[in-house]
PDB file of all heavy atoms in Angstrom:
ATOM      1  N   ARG A   1      77.838 102.929 349.627  1.00  0.00           N
ATOM      2  CA  ARG A   1      77.516 102.512 348.250  1.00  0.00           C
ATOM      3  C   ARG A   1      76.018 102.622 348.052  1.00  0.00           C
ATOM      4  O   ARG A   1      75.241 102.093 348.843  1.00  0.00           O
ATOM      5  CB  ARG A   1      77.911 101.057 348.013  1.00  0.00           C
ATOM      6  CG  ARG A   1      79.348 100.807 347.826  1.00  0.00           C
ATOM      7  CD  ARG A   1      79.580  99.354 347.532  1.00  0.00           C
ATOM      8  NE  ARG A   1      78.674  98.544 348.364  1.00  0.00           N
ATOM      9  CZ  ARG A   1      78.550  97.245 348.276  1.00  0.00           C
ATOM     10  NH1 ARG A   1      79.228  96.585 347.406  1.00  0.00           N
ATOM     11  NH2 ARG A   1      77.731  96.589 349.062  1.00  0.00           N
ATOM     12  N   PRO A   2      75.561 103.278 347.020  1.00  0.00           N
ATOM     13  CA  PRO A   2      74.123 103.438 346.844  1.00  0.00           C
ATOM     14  C   PRO A   2      73.428 102.161 346.426  1.00  0.00           C
ATOM     15  O   PRO A   2      72.320 101.892 346.847  1.00  0.00           O
ATOM     16  CB  PRO A   2      74.010 104.507 345.762  1.00  0.00           C
ATOM     17  CG  PRO A   2      75.296 104.458 345.028  1.00  0.00           C
ATOM     18  CD  PRO A   2      76.328 104.005 346.014  1.00  0.00           C
ATOM     19  N   PHE A   3      74.047 101.352 345.587  1.00  0.00           N
ATOM     20  CA  PHE A   3      73.395 100.158 345.085  1.00  0.00           C
ATOM     21  C   PHE A   3      73.643  98.976 346.006  1.00  0.00           C
ATOM     22  O   PHE A   3      74.572  98.964 346.785  1.00  0.00           O
ATOM     23  CB  PHE A   3      73.881  99.833 343.669  1.00  0.00           C
ATOM     24  CG  PHE A   3      73.450 100.851 342.667  1.00  0.00           C
ATOM     25  CD1 PHE A   3      74.343 101.791 342.195  1.00  0.00           C
ATOM     26  CD2 PHE A   3      72.148 100.886 342.214  1.00  0.00           C
ATOM     27  CE1 PHE A   3      73.950 102.734 341.269  1.00  0.00           C
ATOM     28  CE2 PHE A   3      71.740 101.832 341.288  1.00  0.00           C
ATOM     29  CZ  PHE A   3      72.649 102.761 340.821  1.00  0.00           C
ATOM     30  N   GLY A   4      72.802  97.972 345.888  1.00  0.00           N
ATOM     31  CA  GLY A   4      72.956  96.753 346.666  1.00  0.00           C
ATOM     32  C   GLY A   4      71.876  96.628 347.728  1.00  0.00           C
ATOM     33  O   GLY A   4      71.099  97.544 347.964  1.00  0.00           O
ATOM     34  N   HIS A   5      71.827  95.462 348.343  1.00  0.00           N
ATOM     35  CA  HIS A   5      70.884  95.230 349.423  1.00  0.00           C
ATOM     36  C   HIS A   5      71.437  95.898 350.673  1.00  0.00           C
ATOM     37  O   HIS A   5      72.637  95.873 350.916  1.00  0.00           O
ATOM     38  CB  HIS A   5      70.736  93.737 349.702  1.00  0.00           C
ATOM     39  CG  HIS A   5      70.521  92.920 348.470  1.00  0.00           C
ATOM     40  ND1 HIS A   5      69.465  93.136 347.611  1.00  0.00           N
ATOM     41  CD2 HIS A   5      71.232  91.895 347.946  1.00  0.00           C
ATOM     42  CE1 HIS A   5      69.532  92.262 346.625  1.00  0.00           C
ATOM     43  NE2 HIS A   5      70.598  91.511 346.800  1.00  0.00           N
ATOM     44  N   LYS A   6      70.548  96.496 351.468  1.00  0.00           N
ATOM     45  CA  LYS A   6      71.031  97.128 352.698  1.00  0.00           C
ATOM     46  C   LYS A   6      69.903  97.292 353.694  1.00  0.00           C
ATOM     47  O   LYS A   6      68.735  97.372 353.327  1.00  0.00           O
ATOM     48  CB  LYS A   6      71.705  98.462 352.430  1.00  0.00           C
ATOM     49  CG  LYS A   6      70.927  99.418 351.569  1.00  0.00           C
ATOM     50  CD  LYS A   6      71.620 100.753 351.405  1.00  0.00           C
ATOM     51  CE  LYS A   6      72.703 100.684 350.379  1.00  0.00           C
ATOM     52  NZ  LYS A   6      73.318 101.963 350.123  1.00  0.00           N
ATOM     53  N   ILE A   7      70.286  97.316 354.928  1.00  0.00           N
ATOM     54  CA  ILE A   7      69.381  97.639 356.027  1.00  0.00           C
ATOM     55  C   ILE A   7      69.860  98.972 356.570  1.00  0.00           C
ATOM     56  O   ILE A   7      70.995  99.090 357.031  1.00  0.00           O
ATOM     57  CB  ILE A   7      69.413  96.560 357.121  1.00  0.00           C
ATOM     58  CG1 ILE A   7      68.916  95.242 356.548  1.00  0.00           C
ATOM     59  CG2 ILE A   7      68.590  96.989 358.319  1.00  0.00           C
ATOM     60  CD1 ILE A   7      69.054  94.061 357.479  1.00  0.00           C
ATOM     61  N   GLY A   8      69.015  99.993 356.475  1.00  0.00           N
ATOM     62  CA  GLY A   8      69.432 101.337 356.856  1.00  0.00           C
ATOM     63  C   GLY A   8      70.408 101.895 355.835  1.00  0.00           C
ATOM     64  O   GLY A   8      70.606 101.358 354.756  1.00  0.00           O
ATOM     65  N   GLY A   9      71.003 103.003 356.174  1.00  0.00           N
ATOM     66  CA  GLY A   9      71.995 103.609 355.296  1.00  0.00           C
ATOM     67  C   GLY A   9      71.389 104.592 354.313  1.00  0.00           C
ATOM     68  O   GLY A   9      70.326 105.165 354.539  1.00  0.00           O
ATOM     69  N   TYR A  10      72.080 104.752 353.204  1.00  0.00           N
ATOM     70  CA  TYR A  10      71.687 105.717 352.192  1.00  0.00           C
ATOM     71  C   TYR A  10      70.989 104.998 351.045  1.00  0.00           C
ATOM     72  O   TYR A  10      71.556 104.094 350.452  1.00  0.00           O
ATOM     73  CB  TYR A  10      72.914 106.458 351.665  1.00  0.00           C
ATOM     74  CG  TYR A  10      73.665 107.190 352.736  1.00  0.00           C
ATOM     75  CD1 TYR A  10      74.819 106.652 353.292  1.00  0.00           C
ATOM     76  CD2 TYR A  10      73.209 108.411 353.213  1.00  0.00           C
ATOM     77  CE1 TYR A  10      75.507 107.320 354.294  1.00  0.00           C
ATOM     78  CE2 TYR A  10      73.883 109.086 354.205  1.00  0.00           C
ATOM     79  CZ  TYR A  10      75.034 108.534 354.743  1.00  0.00           C
ATOM     80  OH  TYR A  10      75.706 109.183 355.723  1.00  0.00           O
ATOM     81  N   PRO A  11      69.757 105.396 350.702  1.00  0.00           N
ATOM     82  CA  PRO A  11      69.044 104.720 349.626  1.00  0.00           C
ATOM     83  C   PRO A  11      69.552 105.132 348.250  1.00  0.00           C
ATOM     84  O   PRO A  11      70.213 106.145 348.100  1.00  0.00           O
ATOM     85  CB  PRO A  11      67.602 105.193 349.813  1.00  0.00           C
ATOM     86  CG  PRO A  11      67.738 106.547 350.419  1.00  0.00           C
ATOM     87  CD  PRO A  11      68.959 106.467 351.304  1.00  0.00           C
ATOM     88  N   ASP A  12      69.204 104.313 347.277  1.00  0.00           N
ATOM     89  CA  ASP A  12      69.477 104.664 345.895  1.00  0.00           C
ATOM     90  C   ASP A  12      68.161 104.654 345.138  1.00  0.00           C
ATOM     91  O   ASP A  12      67.232 103.933 345.492  1.00  0.00           O
ATOM     92  CB  ASP A  12      70.443 103.688 345.239  1.00  0.00           C
ATOM     93  CG  ASP A  12      70.787 104.131 343.837  1.00  0.00           C
ATOM     94  OD1 ASP A  12      71.105 105.326 343.659  1.00  0.00           O
ATOM     95  OD2 ASP A  12      70.711 103.322 342.906  1.00  0.00           O
ATOM     96  N   PHE A  13      68.078 105.473 344.117  1.00  0.00           N
ATOM     97  CA  PHE A  13      66.874 105.576 343.305  1.00  0.00           C
ATOM     98  C   PHE A  13      67.268 105.519 341.844  1.00  0.00           C
ATOM     99  O   PHE A  13      68.224 106.167 341.433  1.00  0.00           O
ATOM    100  CB  PHE A  13      66.138 106.887 343.590  1.00  0.00           C
ATOM    101  CG  PHE A  13      65.750 107.038 345.023  1.00  0.00           C
ATOM    102  CD1 PHE A  13      66.562 107.741 345.897  1.00  0.00           C
ATOM    103  CD2 PHE A  13      64.585 106.463 345.491  1.00  0.00           C
ATOM    104  CE1 PHE A  13      66.217 107.879 347.223  1.00  0.00           C
ATOM    105  CE2 PHE A  13      64.228 106.596 346.819  1.00  0.00           C
ATOM    106  CZ  PHE A  13      65.045 107.302 347.687  1.00  0.00           C
ATOM    107  N   ILE A  14      66.529 104.790 341.074  1.00  0.00           N
ATOM    108  CA  ILE A  14      66.805 104.684 339.647  1.00  0.00           C
ATOM    109  C   ILE A  14      66.232 105.880 338.907  1.00  0.00           C
ATOM    110  O   ILE A  14      66.825 106.397 337.973  1.00  0.00           O
ATOM    111  CB  ILE A  14      66.255 103.354 339.097  1.00  0.00           C
ATOM    112  CG1 ILE A  14      67.072 102.213 339.686  1.00  0.00           C
ATOM    113  CG2 ILE A  14      66.300 103.336 337.579  1.00  0.00           C
ATOM    114  CD1 ILE A  14      66.610 100.846 339.310  1.00  0.00           C
ATOM    115  N   GLN A  15      65.065 106.354 339.340  1.00  0.00           N
ATOM    116  CA  GLN A  15      64.401 107.449 338.643  1.00  0.00           C
ATOM    117  C   GLN A  15      64.227 108.674 339.538  1.00  0.00           C
ATOM    118  O   GLN A  15      63.235 109.373 339.464  1.00  0.00           O
ATOM    119  CB  GLN A  15      63.045 106.963 338.126  1.00  0.00           C
ATOM    120  CG  GLN A  15      63.171 105.835 337.148  1.00  0.00           C
ATOM    121  CD  GLN A  15      61.826 105.302 336.707  1.00  0.00           C
ATOM    122  OE1 GLN A  15      60.786 105.793 337.105  1.00  0.00           O
ATOM    123  NE2 GLN A  15      61.853 104.284 335.874  1.00  0.00           N
ATOM    124  N   GLY A  16      65.170 108.948 340.376  1.00  0.00           N
ATOM    125  CA  GLY A  16      65.107 110.102 341.271  1.00  0.00           C
ATOM    126  C   GLY A  16      64.513 109.743 342.620  1.00  0.00           C
ATOM    127  O   GLY A  16      63.876 108.710 342.784  1.00  0.00           O
ATOM    128  N   ASP A  17      64.733 110.593 343.584  1.00  0.00           N
ATOM    129  CA  ASP A  17      64.298 110.359 344.956  1.00  0.00           C
ATOM    130  C   ASP A  17      62.780 110.466 345.042  1.00  0.00           C
ATOM    131  O   ASP A  17      62.205 111.552 344.996  1.00  0.00           O
ATOM    132  CB  ASP A  17      64.966 111.366 345.888  1.00  0.00           C
ATOM    133  CG  ASP A  17      64.803 111.018 347.351  1.00  0.00           C
ATOM    134  OD1 ASP A  17      63.832 110.313 347.689  1.00  0.00           O
ATOM    135  OD2 ASP A  17      65.643 111.456 348.148  1.00  0.00           O
ATOM    136  N   ALA A  18      62.130 109.346 345.179  1.00  0.00           N
ATOM    137  CA  ALA A  18      60.665 109.284 345.169  1.00  0.00           C
ATOM    138  C   ALA A  18      60.031 109.775 346.468  1.00  0.00           C
ATOM    139  O   ALA A  18      58.842 110.041 346.506  1.00  0.00           O
ATOM    140  CB  ALA A  18      60.216 107.854 344.900  1.00  0.00           C
ATOM    141  N   ARG A  19      60.808 109.913 347.525  1.00  0.00           N
ATOM    142  CA  ARG A  19      60.233 110.325 348.811  1.00  0.00           C
ATOM    143  C   ARG A  19      59.654 111.725 348.760  1.00  0.00           C
ATOM    144  O   ARG A  19      58.671 112.011 349.413  1.00  0.00           O
ATOM    145  CB  ARG A  19      61.291 110.277 349.913  1.00  0.00           C
ATOM    146  CG  ARG A  19      61.771 108.883 350.214  1.00  0.00           C
ATOM    147  CD  ARG A  19      62.916 108.907 351.172  1.00  0.00           C
ATOM    148  NE  ARG A  19      64.077 109.512 350.524  1.00  0.00           N
ATOM    149  CZ  ARG A  19      65.231 109.711 351.132  1.00  0.00           C
ATOM    150  NH1 ARG A  19      65.378 109.390 352.393  1.00  0.00           N
ATOM    151  NH2 ARG A  19      66.251 110.241 350.488  1.00  0.00           N
ATOM    152  N   TRP A  20      60.230 112.605 348.000  1.00  0.00           N
ATOM    153  CA  TRP A  20      59.825 114.010 348.061  1.00  0.00           C
ATOM    154  C   TRP A  20      58.472 114.272 347.432  1.00  0.00           C
ATOM    155  O   TRP A  20      57.841 115.272 347.711  1.00  0.00           O
ATOM    156  CB  TRP A  20      60.897 114.891 347.438  1.00  0.00           C
ATOM    157  CG  TRP A  20      62.238 114.585 348.031  1.00  0.00           C
ATOM    158  CD1 TRP A  20      63.383 114.342 347.348  1.00  0.00           C
ATOM    159  CD2 TRP A  20      62.572 114.440 349.411  1.00  0.00           C
ATOM    160  NE1 TRP A  20      64.414 114.057 348.216  1.00  0.00           N
ATOM    161  CE2 TRP A  20      63.935 114.110 349.495  1.00  0.00           C
ATOM    162  CE3 TRP A  20      61.853 114.534 350.595  1.00  0.00           C
ATOM    163  CZ2 TRP A  20      64.595 113.887 350.700  1.00  0.00           C
ATOM    164  CZ3 TRP A  20      62.500 114.310 351.793  1.00  0.00           C
ATOM    165  CH2 TRP A  20      63.857 114.003 351.842  1.00  0.00           C
ATOM    166  N   GLY A  21      57.961 113.372 346.623  1.00  0.00           N
ATOM    167  CA  GLY A  21      56.634 113.552 346.053  1.00  0.00           C
ATOM    168  C   GLY A  21      55.555 112.784 346.791  1.00  0.00           C
ATOM    169  O   GLY A  21      54.404 112.820 346.420  1.00  0.00           O
ATOM    170  N   ASN A  22      55.922 112.073 347.869  1.00  0.00           N
ATOM    171  CA  ASN A  22      54.968 111.191 348.530  1.00  0.00           C
ATOM    172  C   ASN A  22      54.917 111.391 350.038  1.00  0.00           C
ATOM    173  O   ASN A  22      54.742 110.443 350.789  1.00  0.00           O
ATOM    174  CB  ASN A  22      55.328 109.735 348.234  1.00  0.00           C
ATOM    175  CG  ASN A  22      55.146 109.421 346.783  1.00  0.00           C
ATOM    176  OD1 ASN A  22      54.032 109.378 346.306  1.00  0.00           O
ATOM    177  ND2 ASN A  22      56.241 109.233 346.082  1.00  0.00           N
ATOM    178  N   LYS A  23      55.067 112.603 350.492  1.00  0.00           N
ATOM    179  CA  LYS A  23      55.013 112.865 351.929  1.00  0.00           C
ATOM    180  C   LYS A  23      53.559 113.057 352.345  1.00  0.00           C
ATOM    181  O   LYS A  23      52.911 113.989 351.892  1.00  0.00           O
ATOM    182  CB  LYS A  23      55.802 114.115 352.275  1.00  0.00           C
ATOM    183  CG  LYS A  23      57.281 113.959 352.101  1.00  0.00           C
ATOM    184  CD  LYS A  23      57.972 115.221 352.529  1.00  0.00           C
ATOM    185  CE  LYS A  23      59.461 115.085 352.396  1.00  0.00           C
ATOM    186  NZ  LYS A  23      60.152 116.295 352.792  1.00  0.00           N
ATOM    187  N   PRO A  24      53.036 112.187 353.210  1.00  0.00           N
ATOM    188  CA  PRO A  24      51.650 112.355 353.640  1.00  0.00           C
ATOM    189  C   PRO A  24      51.426 113.667 354.385  1.00  0.00           C
ATOM    190  O   PRO A  24      50.490 114.383 354.108  1.00  0.00           O
ATOM    191  CB  PRO A  24      51.404 111.175 354.554  1.00  0.00           C
ATOM    192  CG  PRO A  24      52.596 110.313 354.476  1.00  0.00           C
ATOM    193  CD  PRO A  24      53.683 111.054 353.771  1.00  0.00           C
ATOM    194  N   ASP A  25      52.281 113.993 355.328  1.00  0.00           N
ATOM    195  CA  ASP A  25      52.288 115.289 356.003  1.00  0.00           C
ATOM    196  C   ASP A  25      53.589 115.401 356.774  1.00  0.00           C
ATOM    197  O   ASP A  25      54.332 114.444 356.891  1.00  0.00           O
ATOM    198  CB  ASP A  25      51.062 115.484 356.914  1.00  0.00           C
ATOM    199  CG  ASP A  25      50.981 114.446 358.017  1.00  0.00           C
ATOM    200  OD1 ASP A  25      51.953 114.285 358.770  1.00  0.00           O
ATOM    201  OD2 ASP A  25      49.922 113.800 358.121  1.00  0.00           O
ATOM    202  N   SER A  26      53.857 116.560 357.291  1.00  0.00           N
ATOM    203  CA  SER A  26      55.173 116.799 357.894  1.00  0.00           C
ATOM    204  C   SER A  26      55.405 115.979 359.158  1.00  0.00           C
ATOM    205  O   SER A  26      56.534 115.746 359.532  1.00  0.00           O
ATOM    206  CB  SER A  26      55.348 118.280 358.201  1.00  0.00           C
ATOM    207  OG  SER A  26      54.363 118.707 359.117  1.00  0.00           O
ATOM    208  N   ASP A  27      54.345 115.518 359.830  1.00  0.00           N
ATOM    209  CA  ASP A  27      54.523 114.738 361.059  1.00  0.00           C
ATOM    210  C   ASP A  27      54.820 113.267 360.791  1.00  0.00           C
ATOM    211  O   ASP A  27      55.312 112.570 361.653  1.00  0.00           O
ATOM    212  CB  ASP A  27      53.272 114.830 361.934  1.00  0.00           C
ATOM    213  CG  ASP A  27      53.070 116.235 362.480  1.00  0.00           C
ATOM    214  OD1 ASP A  27      54.081 116.948 362.635  1.00  0.00           O
ATOM    215  OD2 ASP A  27      51.918 116.597 362.739  1.00  0.00           O
ATOM    216  N   THR A  28      54.504 112.796 359.624  1.00  0.00           N
ATOM    217  CA  THR A  28      54.695 111.372 359.335  1.00  0.00           C
ATOM    218  C   THR A  28      55.578 111.150 358.115  1.00  0.00           C
ATOM    219  O   THR A  28      55.331 110.260 357.322  1.00  0.00           O
ATOM    220  CB  THR A  28      53.338 110.670 359.128  1.00  0.00           C
ATOM    221  OG1 THR A  28      52.686 111.295 358.025  1.00  0.00           O
ATOM    222  CG2 THR A  28      52.476 110.720 360.351  1.00  0.00           C
ATOM    223  N   GLU A  29      56.580 111.950 357.963  1.00  0.00           N
ATOM    224  CA  GLU A  29      57.489 111.795 356.831  1.00  0.00           C
ATOM    225  C   GLU A  29      58.228 110.466 356.941  1.00  0.00           C
ATOM    226  O   GLU A  29      58.962 110.231 357.884  1.00  0.00           O
ATOM    227  CB  GLU A  29      58.494 112.934 356.791  1.00  0.00           C
ATOM    228  CG  GLU A  29      57.866 114.259 356.470  1.00  0.00           C
ATOM    229  CD  GLU A  29      58.893 115.381 356.493  1.00  0.00           C
ATOM    230  OE1 GLU A  29      60.070 115.122 356.756  1.00  0.00           O
ATOM    231  OE2 GLU A  29      58.493 116.508 356.229  1.00  0.00           O
ATOM    232  N   GLN A  30      58.009 109.617 355.987  1.00  0.00           N
ATOM    233  CA  GLN A  30      58.700 108.330 355.973  1.00  0.00           C
ATOM    234  C   GLN A  30      59.983 108.500 355.166  1.00  0.00           C
ATOM    235  O   GLN A  30      60.012 108.213 353.979  1.00  0.00           O
ATOM    236  CB  GLN A  30      57.778 107.260 355.379  1.00  0.00           C
ATOM    237  CG  GLN A  30      56.623 106.980 356.295  1.00  0.00           C
ATOM    238  CD  GLN A  30      55.314 106.897 355.558  1.00  0.00           C
ATOM    239  OE1 GLN A  30      55.064 107.650 354.644  1.00  0.00           O
ATOM    240  NE2 GLN A  30      54.468 105.988 355.987  1.00  0.00           N
ATOM    241  N   ASN A  31      61.011 108.990 355.826  1.00  0.00           N
ATOM    242  CA  ASN A  31      62.229 109.323 355.095  1.00  0.00           C
ATOM    243  C   ASN A  31      63.454 108.552 355.564  1.00  0.00           C
ATOM    244  O   ASN A  31      64.549 108.819 355.109  1.00  0.00           O
ATOM    245  CB  ASN A  31      62.494 110.824 355.153  1.00  0.00           C
ATOM    246  CG  ASN A  31      62.594 111.331 356.573  1.00  0.00           C
ATOM    247  OD1 ASN A  31      62.674 110.548 357.500  1.00  0.00           O
ATOM    248  ND2 ASN A  31      62.590 112.636 356.738  1.00  0.00           N
ATOM    249  N   ILE A  32      63.275 107.579 356.455  1.00  0.00           N
ATOM    250  CA  ILE A  32      64.405 106.766 356.910  1.00  0.00           C
ATOM    251  C   ILE A  32      64.360 105.440 356.165  1.00  0.00           C
ATOM    252  O   ILE A  32      63.332 104.757 356.153  1.00  0.00           O
ATOM    253  CB  ILE A  32      64.339 106.545 358.430  1.00  0.00           C
ATOM    254  CG1 ILE A  32      64.508 107.882 359.140  1.00  0.00           C
ATOM    255  CG2 ILE A  32      65.400 105.543 358.879  1.00  0.00           C
ATOM    256  CD1 ILE A  32      64.360 107.810 360.633  1.00  0.00           C
ATOM    257  N   LEU A  33      65.467 105.082 355.544  1.00  0.00           N
ATOM    258  CA  LEU A  33      65.524 103.818 354.823  1.00  0.00           C
ATOM    259  C   LEU A  33      65.496 102.674 355.821  1.00  0.00           C
ATOM    260  O   LEU A  33      66.386 102.532 356.653  1.00  0.00           O
ATOM    261  CB  LEU A  33      66.790 103.731 353.969  1.00  0.00           C
ATOM    262  CG  LEU A  33      66.944 102.436 353.169  1.00  0.00           C
ATOM    263  CD1 LEU A  33      65.859 102.337 352.098  1.00  0.00           C
ATOM    264  CD2 LEU A  33      68.319 102.356 352.546  1.00  0.00           C
ATOM    265  N   LEU A  34      64.451 101.867 355.748  1.00  0.00           N
ATOM    266  CA  LEU A  34      64.354 100.678 356.589  1.00  0.00           C
ATOM    267  C   LEU A  34      65.182  99.569 355.971  1.00  0.00           C
ATOM    268  O   LEU A  34      66.046  98.989 356.616  1.00  0.00           O
ATOM    269  CB  LEU A  34      62.889 100.272 356.712  1.00  0.00           C
ATOM    270  CG  LEU A  34      62.512  99.249 357.743  1.00  0.00           C
ATOM    271  CD1 LEU A  34      62.954  99.667 359.129  1.00  0.00           C
ATOM    272  CD2 LEU A  34      61.010  99.013 357.717  1.00  0.00           C
ATOM    273  N   PHE A  35      64.920  99.287 354.701  1.00  0.00           N
ATOM    274  CA  PHE A  35      65.808  98.411 353.948  1.00  0.00           C
ATOM    275  C   PHE A  35      65.606  98.597 352.455  1.00  0.00           C
ATOM    276  O   PHE A  35      64.617  99.162 352.010  1.00  0.00           O
ATOM    277  CB  PHE A  35      65.694  96.948 354.390  1.00  0.00           C
ATOM    278  CG  PHE A  35      64.541  96.172 353.813  1.00  0.00           C
ATOM    279  CD1 PHE A  35      64.692  95.422 352.658  1.00  0.00           C
ATOM    280  CD2 PHE A  35      63.318  96.133 354.459  1.00  0.00           C
ATOM    281  CE1 PHE A  35      63.646  94.682 352.145  1.00  0.00           C
ATOM    282  CE2 PHE A  35      62.263  95.394 353.964  1.00  0.00           C
ATOM    283  CZ  PHE A  35      62.433  94.667 352.799  1.00  0.00           C
ATOM    284  N   GLN A  36      66.581  98.143 351.714  1.00  0.00           N
ATOM    285  CA  GLN A  36      66.595  98.270 350.266  1.00  0.00           C
ATOM    286  C   GLN A  36      66.939  96.904 349.679  1.00  0.00           C
ATOM    287  O   GLN A  36      67.868  96.252 350.140  1.00  0.00           O
ATOM    288  CB  GLN A  36      67.643  99.297 349.861  1.00  0.00           C
ATOM    289  CG  GLN A  36      67.905  99.403 348.376  1.00  0.00           C
ATOM    290  CD  GLN A  36      68.865 100.528 348.085  1.00  0.00           C
ATOM    291  OE1 GLN A  36      68.553 101.685 348.299  1.00  0.00           O
ATOM    292  NE2 GLN A  36      70.054 100.193 347.617  1.00  0.00           N
ATOM    293  N   MET A  37      66.174  96.483 348.688  1.00  0.00           N
ATOM    294  CA  MET A  37      66.466  95.241 347.991  1.00  0.00           C
ATOM    295  C   MET A  37      66.677  95.576 346.517  1.00  0.00           C
ATOM    296  O   MET A  37      65.789  96.084 345.844  1.00  0.00           O
ATOM    297  CB  MET A  37      65.335  94.240 348.150  1.00  0.00           C
ATOM    298  CG  MET A  37      65.662  92.889 347.581  1.00  0.00           C
ATOM    299  SD  MET A  37      64.396  91.652 347.927  1.00  0.00           S
ATOM    300  CE  MET A  37      64.712  91.353 349.649  1.00  0.00           C
ATOM    301  N   ASP A  38      67.860  95.317 346.065  1.00  0.00           N
ATOM    302  CA  ASP A  38      68.276  95.668 344.715  1.00  0.00           C
ATOM    303  C   ASP A  38      68.281  94.423 343.842  1.00  0.00           C
ATOM    304  O   ASP A  38      68.381  93.301 344.343  1.00  0.00           O
ATOM    305  CB  ASP A  38      69.692  96.262 344.780  1.00  0.00           C
ATOM    306  CG  ASP A  38      70.058  97.077 343.564  1.00  0.00           C
ATOM    307  OD1 ASP A  38      69.307  97.056 342.576  1.00  0.00           O
ATOM    308  OD2 ASP A  38      71.117  97.724 343.607  1.00  0.00           O
ATOM    309  N   SER A  39      68.185  94.599 342.556  1.00  0.00           N
ATOM    310  CA  SER A  39      68.363  93.467 341.648  1.00  0.00           C
ATOM    311  C   SER A  39      69.779  92.942 341.817  1.00  0.00           C
ATOM    312  O   SER A  39      70.729  93.703 341.993  1.00  0.00           O
ATOM    313  CB  SER A  39      68.149  93.902 340.199  1.00  0.00           C
ATOM    314  OG  SER A  39      66.801  94.210 339.973  1.00  0.00           O
ATOM    315  N   SER A  40      69.907  91.626 341.779  1.00  0.00           N
ATOM    316  CA  SER A  40      71.207  91.008 341.990  1.00  0.00           C
ATOM    317  C   SER A  40      71.250  89.695 341.233  1.00  0.00           C
ATOM    318  O   SER A  40      70.337  88.886 341.338  1.00  0.00           O
ATOM    319  CB  SER A  40      71.420  90.761 343.489  1.00  0.00           C
ATOM    320  OG  SER A  40      72.599  90.028 343.701  1.00  0.00           O
ATOM    321  N   VAL A  41      72.280  89.495 340.483  1.00  0.00           N
ATOM    322  CA  VAL A  41      72.425  88.244 339.745  1.00  0.00           C
ATOM    323  C   VAL A  41      73.818  87.655 339.947  1.00  0.00           C
ATOM    324  O   VAL A  41      74.471  87.226 339.011  1.00  0.00           O
ATOM    325  CB  VAL A  41      72.117  88.433 338.239  1.00  0.00           C
ATOM    326  CG1 VAL A  41      70.644  88.679 338.011  1.00  0.00           C
ATOM    327  CG2 VAL A  41      72.937  89.565 337.645  1.00  0.00           C
ATOM    328  N   ASP A  42      74.255  87.619 341.204  1.00  0.00           N
ATOM    329  CA  ASP A  42      75.552  87.016 341.477  1.00  0.00           C
ATOM    330  C   ASP A  42      75.350  85.525 341.784  1.00  0.00           C
ATOM    331  O   ASP A  42      74.253  84.984 341.657  1.00  0.00           O
ATOM    332  CB  ASP A  42      76.292  87.743 342.602  1.00  0.00           C
ATOM    333  CG  ASP A  42      75.560  87.689 343.932  1.00  0.00           C
ATOM    334  OD1 ASP A  42      74.732  86.790 344.137  1.00  0.00           O
ATOM    335  OD2 ASP A  42      75.822  88.558 344.768  1.00  0.00           O
TER     336      ASP A  42
END
């Protein structure tokens, strides 16, 4: 599931995948989702 809080897994983006415009260089690509915190009102 893309939405929701998660540790690891597949990230979700509201306005497109932001990782591809913010790569410092090819050796330090921060492309593994460490965690995601989504809005939640349950």
